[in-house]
């Protein structure tokens, strides 16, 4: 992927991203304020502090996955002194298209971990396995995509149930945290 310094410098910091949010801000802050790390997690993350790891995050405030994943990342970043920058997906398609999910989908968030030379050392996203299982289970209840009822059912059933689960299910938060930590451990 090469050097991502220009992308990093273009991004918003955590506070700018949160303050500019128009959608899901309340839920993102709810997760951020309720999510906690274990002492073991903190020890591991603090051991990373001198590595000067950075991250570029492709995201959008309308995204439910970003709403739950980013506050967890923010807590990890706080503990590891990991400097983060947020890029809005649709304004940065040149970078987004290098991180497509399954080679086709512009799924977000995508977290690109960088070393102090701004070179990619790891990637995470858009979901943990457990969050994917939840999404798959909820999507299985929807009518076929080509049916007239699909769009309404997607918005009124899937989105509503998914948002409810990801803003209240603390075991899901733990799964997301553990998945992110696994990526950090394997860098």
Protein backbone atom coordinates (compact mmCIF):
# COMPACT_ATOMS: atom_id res chain seq x y z
CA UNK A 1 0.00 0.00 0.00
CA UNK A 2 2.95 2.28 0.57
CA UNK A 3 3.06 5.46 2.57
CA UNK A 4 -0.28 6.79 3.83
CA UNK A 5 1.01 10.02 5.41
CA UNK A 6 -0.96 12.31 3.09
CA UNK A 7 -4.20 10.43 3.87
CA UNK A 8 -3.45 10.59 7.59
CA UNK A 9 -2.79 14.33 7.44
CA UNK A 10 -6.02 14.89 5.49
CA UNK A 11 -8.17 13.23 8.17
CA UNK A 12 -10.10 14.70 11.10
CA UNK A 13 -8.99 13.93 14.62
CA UNK A 14 -11.35 12.04 16.92
CA UNK A 15 -12.89 15.17 18.39
CA UNK A 16 -13.49 16.84 15.03
CA UNK A 17 -15.13 13.66 13.76
CA UNK A 18 -17.47 13.41 16.77
CA UNK A 19 -18.34 17.12 16.77
CA UNK A 20 -19.16 17.00 13.03
CA UNK A 21 -21.45 13.98 13.35
CA UNK A 22 -25.04 14.53 12.20
CA UNK A 23 -26.25 10.93 12.60
CA UNK A 24 -25.69 8.40 15.42
CA UNK A 25 -23.66 10.82 17.55
CA UNK A 26 -25.75 10.10 20.67
CA UNK A 27 -25.37 6.33 20.24
CA UNK A 28 -21.63 6.57 19.52
CA UNK A 29 -21.18 8.56 22.72
CA UNK A 30 -23.38 6.10 24.62
CA UNK A 31 -21.09 3.23 23.63
CA UNK A 32 -17.97 5.34 24.27
CA UNK A 33 -19.15 6.32 27.76
CA UNK A 34 -20.27 2.80 28.76
CA UNK A 35 -17.47 0.70 27.25
CA UNK A 36 -14.60 -0.28 29.55
CA UNK A 37 -11.33 -2.13 29.16
CA UNK A 38 -10.00 -4.84 31.46
CA UNK A 39 -6.71 -4.40 33.30
CA UNK A 40 -5.17 -7.03 30.99
CA UNK A 41 -6.32 -5.06 27.94
CA UNK A 42 -4.84 -1.88 29.39
CA UNK A 43 -1.49 -3.57 30.07
CA UNK A 44 -1.25 -4.80 26.48
CA UNK A 45 -2.28 -1.44 25.03
CA UNK A 46 0.08 0.52 27.26
CA UNK A 47 2.93 -1.68 26.00
CA UNK A 48 2.19 -0.29 22.52
CA UNK A 49 2.56 3.35 23.56
CA UNK A 50 6.19 3.71 22.50
CA UNK A 51 5.55 2.24 19.03
CA UNK A 52 3.83 5.44 17.82
CA UNK A 53 1.12 3.50 15.99
CA UNK A 54 -1.34 5.58 14.03
CA UNK A 55 -4.60 4.76 12.27
CA UNK A 56 -6.56 6.08 9.31
CA UNK A 57 -10.24 5.26 9.60
CA UNK A 58 -12.61 5.27 6.63
CA UNK A 59 -16.08 5.92 8.00
CA UNK A 60 -19.36 7.84 7.83
CA UNK A 61 -21.62 8.94 10.65
CA UNK A 62 -24.71 7.24 9.16
CA UNK A 63 -23.07 3.82 9.46
CA UNK A 64 -24.32 1.62 12.30
CA UNK A 65 -21.14 -0.46 12.30
CA UNK A 66 -19.04 2.69 12.69
CA UNK A 67 -21.33 3.83 15.51
CA UNK A 68 -20.37 0.80 17.63
CA UNK A 69 -16.84 0.04 16.38
CA UNK A 70 -15.35 3.53 16.54
CA UNK A 71 -16.03 4.28 20.22
CA UNK A 72 -14.39 0.95 21.08
CA UNK A 73 -11.43 1.84 18.87
CA UNK A 74 -11.29 5.26 20.56
CA UNK A 75 -10.98 3.62 23.98
CA UNK A 76 -8.21 1.32 22.70
CA UNK A 77 -6.47 4.29 21.05
CA UNK A 78 -6.63 6.33 24.27
CA UNK A 79 -4.87 3.58 26.19
CA UNK A 80 -2.25 2.84 23.49
CA UNK A 81 -1.63 6.53 22.66
CA UNK A 82 -2.60 5.57 19.12
CA UNK A 83 -3.10 8.69 16.99
CA UNK A 84 -6.19 8.44 14.78
CA UNK A 85 -7.53 10.31 11.76
CA UNK A 86 -11.02 9.93 10.32
CA UNK A 87 -11.86 10.17 6.62
CA UNK A 88 -15.41 10.23 5.29
CA UNK A 89 -15.79 7.29 2.92
CA UNK A 90 -17.63 9.00 0.08
CA UNK A 91 -15.15 11.90 0.05
CA UNK A 92 -12.17 9.53 -0.17
CA UNK A 93 -13.13 6.85 -2.68
CA UNK A 94 -9.60 6.62 -4.09
CA UNK A 95 -8.42 5.22 -0.74
CA UNK A 96 -11.68 3.37 0.02
CA UNK A 97 -11.50 1.46 -3.25
CA UNK A 98 -8.17 -0.01 -2.14
CA UNK A 99 -9.90 -1.57 0.91
CA UNK A 100 -13.07 -3.09 -0.54
CA UNK A 101 -14.74 -5.85 1.46
CA UNK A 102 -14.80 -9.07 -0.55
CA UNK A 103 -13.30 -7.09 -3.44
CA UNK A 104 -16.57 -5.31 -4.20
CA UNK A 105 -18.21 -3.56 -1.22
CA UNK A 106 -17.33 -0.16 0.22
CA UNK A 107 -18.16 -1.44 3.70
CA UNK A 108 -17.09 0.69 6.64
CA UNK A 109 -15.50 1.32 8.99
CA UNK A 110 -12.08 0.28 7.75
CA UNK A 111 -9.25 0.92 10.20
CA UNK A 112 -5.79 1.03 8.64
CA UNK A 113 -3.03 0.78 11.24
CA UNK A 114 0.24 2.54 10.43
CA UNK A 115 3.75 2.52 11.83
CA UNK A 116 5.57 5.76 12.63
CA UNK A 117 6.68 5.96 8.97
CA UNK A 118 2.97 5.95 7.95
CA UNK A 119 3.23 2.50 6.34
CA UNK A 120 0.38 0.04 6.71
CA UNK A 121 1.02 -2.61 9.36
CA UNK A 122 -2.52 -3.93 9.81
CA UNK A 123 -6.17 -3.52 8.85
CA UNK A 124 -9.44 -4.12 10.66
CA UNK A 125 -13.06 -3.90 9.60
CA UNK A 126 -15.81 -3.55 8.85
CA UNK A 127 -17.18 -5.99 11.49
CA UNK A 128 -16.17 -8.58 14.02
CA UNK A 129 -17.33 -12.17 13.37
CA UNK A 130 -20.07 -11.90 16.01
CA UNK A 131 -21.38 -8.61 14.58
CA UNK A 132 -21.39 -10.24 11.13
CA UNK A 133 -23.35 -13.21 12.51
CA UNK A 134 -25.90 -10.81 14.03
CA UNK A 135 -26.24 -8.93 10.71
CA UNK A 136 -26.58 -12.20 8.77
CA UNK A 137 -29.26 -13.52 11.16
CA UNK A 138 -31.25 -10.30 10.89
CA UNK A 139 -30.92 -10.16 7.10
CA UNK A 140 -32.20 -13.75 6.86
CA UNK A 141 -35.59 -12.50 8.08
CA UNK A 142 -35.92 -9.94 5.25
CA UNK A 143 -37.93 -10.46 2.07
CA UNK A 144 -35.94 -11.00 -1.16
CA UNK A 145 -33.94 -7.95 -2.31
CA UNK A 146 -35.94 -7.66 -5.54
CA UNK A 147 -39.30 -7.56 -3.73
CA UNK A 148 -41.30 -4.37 -3.24
CA UNK A 149 -41.24 -4.88 0.55
CA UNK A 150 -37.45 -5.18 0.88
CA UNK A 151 -36.51 -1.51 1.28
CA UNK A 152 -39.15 -0.85 3.94
CA UNK A 153 -38.34 -4.04 5.84
CA UNK A 154 -34.61 -3.26 5.68
CA UNK A 155 -35.10 0.20 7.17
CA UNK A 156 -37.84 -0.61 9.68
CA UNK A 157 -36.77 -4.08 10.79
CA UNK A 158 -33.10 -4.75 10.06
CA UNK A 159 -31.67 -1.30 10.83
CA UNK A 160 -33.80 -0.83 13.94
CA UNK A 161 -32.93 -4.28 15.38
CA UNK A 162 -29.24 -4.00 14.45
CA UNK A 163 -28.89 -0.54 16.07
CA UNK A 164 -30.72 -1.74 19.18
CA UNK A 165 -28.41 -4.75 19.52
CA UNK A 166 -25.13 -2.97 18.90
CA UNK A 167 -25.91 -0.13 21.32
CA UNK A 168 -26.93 -2.41 24.21
CA UNK A 169 -25.21 -5.81 23.83
CA UNK A 170 -22.04 -5.51 25.89
CA UNK A 171 -20.95 -9.06 24.97
CA UNK A 172 -20.91 -7.87 21.35
CA UNK A 173 -18.75 -4.91 22.40
CA UNK A 174 -16.34 -7.38 24.03
CA UNK A 175 -16.21 -9.43 20.83
CA UNK A 176 -15.45 -6.30 18.79
CA UNK A 177 -12.74 -5.25 21.26
CA UNK A 178 -11.17 -8.72 21.23
CA UNK A 179 -11.20 -8.78 17.42
CA UNK A 180 -9.47 -5.38 17.26
CA UNK A 181 -6.95 -6.45 19.91
CA UNK A 182 -6.21 -9.59 17.89
CA UNK A 183 -5.36 -7.41 14.89
CA UNK A 184 -3.08 -5.25 17.05
CA UNK A 185 -1.38 -8.34 18.53
CA UNK A 186 -0.70 -9.75 15.05
CA UNK A 187 1.03 -6.61 13.73
